[in-house]
Every structure is written in C-alpha cells, then in structure tokens.
Protein backbone atom coordinates (compact mmCIF):
# COMPACT_ATOMS: atom_id res chain seq x y z
CA MET A 1 9.36 -28.13 -0.82
CA GLN A 2 7.29 -24.38 -1.17
CA ARG A 3 4.30 -24.31 1.69
CA ALA A 4 1.49 -22.74 1.18
CA LEU A 5 1.50 -19.78 3.24
CA SER A 6 -0.89 -18.79 5.79
CA LEU A 7 -2.95 -16.04 6.42
CA ASP A 8 -1.66 -14.10 8.67
CA GLU A 9 2.61 -14.74 6.40
CA GLU A 10 0.27 -13.54 3.75
CA SER A 11 -0.99 -10.53 5.89
CA ALA A 12 2.59 -9.87 6.98
CA GLN A 13 3.80 -10.31 3.42
CA ALA A 14 0.89 -7.00 2.39
CA TRP A 15 1.63 -5.45 4.56
CA LYS A 16 5.48 -5.25 4.53
CA GLY A 17 4.90 -4.72 0.48
CA LEU A 18 3.11 -1.51 2.17
CA ALA A 19 5.50 -0.92 4.38
CA ALA A 20 8.26 -0.94 1.72
CA LEU A 21 6.62 1.61 -0.69
CA LEU A 22 5.40 4.23 1.97
CA ASP A 23 9.60 4.00 3.60
CA GLY A 24 10.94 4.01 0.86
CA LEU A 25 9.87 7.93 -0.54
CA GLY A 26 10.36 8.71 3.33
CA LEU A 27 7.43 8.22 3.96
CA SER A 28 7.10 5.54 6.73
CA ASP A 29 5.30 8.21 9.01
CA GLN A 30 2.28 7.00 6.46
CA LEU A 31 1.61 4.12 7.25
CA PRO A 32 -0.48 3.85 10.37
CA ALA A 33 -3.00 5.78 7.45
CA ALA A 34 -2.43 4.04 5.13
CA ALA A 35 -3.26 0.91 6.88
CA ALA A 36 -6.40 2.17 8.73
CA TRP A 37 -7.33 3.08 5.55
CA CYS A 38 -6.22 -0.43 4.09
CA GLU A 39 -8.67 -1.86 6.87
CA ALA A 40 -11.60 1.26 6.41
CA ASN A 41 -12.01 -0.06 2.38
CA GLY A 42 -10.70 -3.92 2.89
CA ALA A 43 -8.02 -4.27 1.29
CA ASP A 44 -5.85 -7.00 1.91
CA SER A 45 -2.37 -5.54 -0.04
CA VAL A 46 -1.52 -2.82 -2.46
CA ALA A 47 -2.58 -5.09 -5.81
CA ALA A 48 -5.64 -4.82 -4.43
CA ILE A 49 -5.99 -1.48 -4.26
CA VAL A 50 -4.51 -1.37 -8.24
CA GLU A 51 -6.85 -3.95 -8.55
CA VAL A 52 -9.93 -2.75 -8.39
CA GLU A 53 -8.66 0.80 -9.75
CA MET A 54 -8.66 2.88 -5.96
CA VAL A 55 -4.98 4.07 -6.21
CA ALA A 56 -6.23 7.38 -6.18
CA GLU A 57 -8.92 7.05 -3.09
CA PHE A 58 -6.27 5.79 -1.34
CA VAL A 59 -3.66 8.99 -2.18
CA GLU A 60 -6.21 11.15 -1.57
CA ALA A 61 -6.46 9.54 2.60
CA LEU A 62 -2.32 10.26 2.90
CA ALA A 63 -3.56 14.48 2.20
CA LEU A 64 -0.33 13.70 1.06
CA LYS A 65 1.65 16.79 -0.83
CA PRO A 66 1.17 16.68 -4.30
CA VAL A 67 4.92 15.95 -6.06
CA LYS A 68 4.25 12.80 -2.32
CA ALA A 69 1.93 12.01 -4.29
CA LYS A 70 2.85 11.59 -7.53
CA GLN A 71 5.19 9.45 -6.83
CA VAL A 72 2.95 7.06 -4.50
CA VAL A 73 0.64 6.78 -7.47
CA LYS A 74 3.12 6.02 -9.86
CA ARG A 75 5.16 3.35 -7.65
CA ILE A 76 1.75 1.90 -7.64
CA GLU A 77 1.61 2.04 -11.14
CA ALA A 78 5.09 0.58 -11.39
CA GLY A 79 4.25 -2.33 -9.95
CA MET A 80 7.12 -1.18 -7.25
CA ALA A 81 4.99 -1.83 -4.85
C-alpha cells in the first residue's frame, strides 16, 4: 500500500525535478539561482511554474545564454522536468 508523501518528501521530489532539469542540460551550477527564484516566487515545483505560465520569467532570472535558455524552455514545455 502506498503512503501519502509528507510535505518534506514532496518538496524534495520537486527539487529533484528542478535539479534533474538543469543537470540534464549541464546547468547544475544554476540550481542555487533557480531554487532562490522558486522560493521568492512561491513555486514549489517546475509544474507550478508551468501552471501559472511563468516559464519565461524563470528562465530570464537564470540569465542563461540564448541557446541554453531555449533548451530549458523546450524541456519544461515538453514535460521533461
């Protein structure tokens, strides 16, 4: 029987998704900035960023080079986060 996830476990899974997204693009050094943006904006997961249509703002805050920024957007929109 599957148990309900605690708030801490849910949060850890959300951060793993964010870490996996950035790591998959060789951007793991951006995790602190991404996490800070999420915290400042109340996003608890990549899915939350997509839900409220703030992907552009999230990517802009990371100050990525254009190709990496587009890759992040495409992966988020494709649900690969």
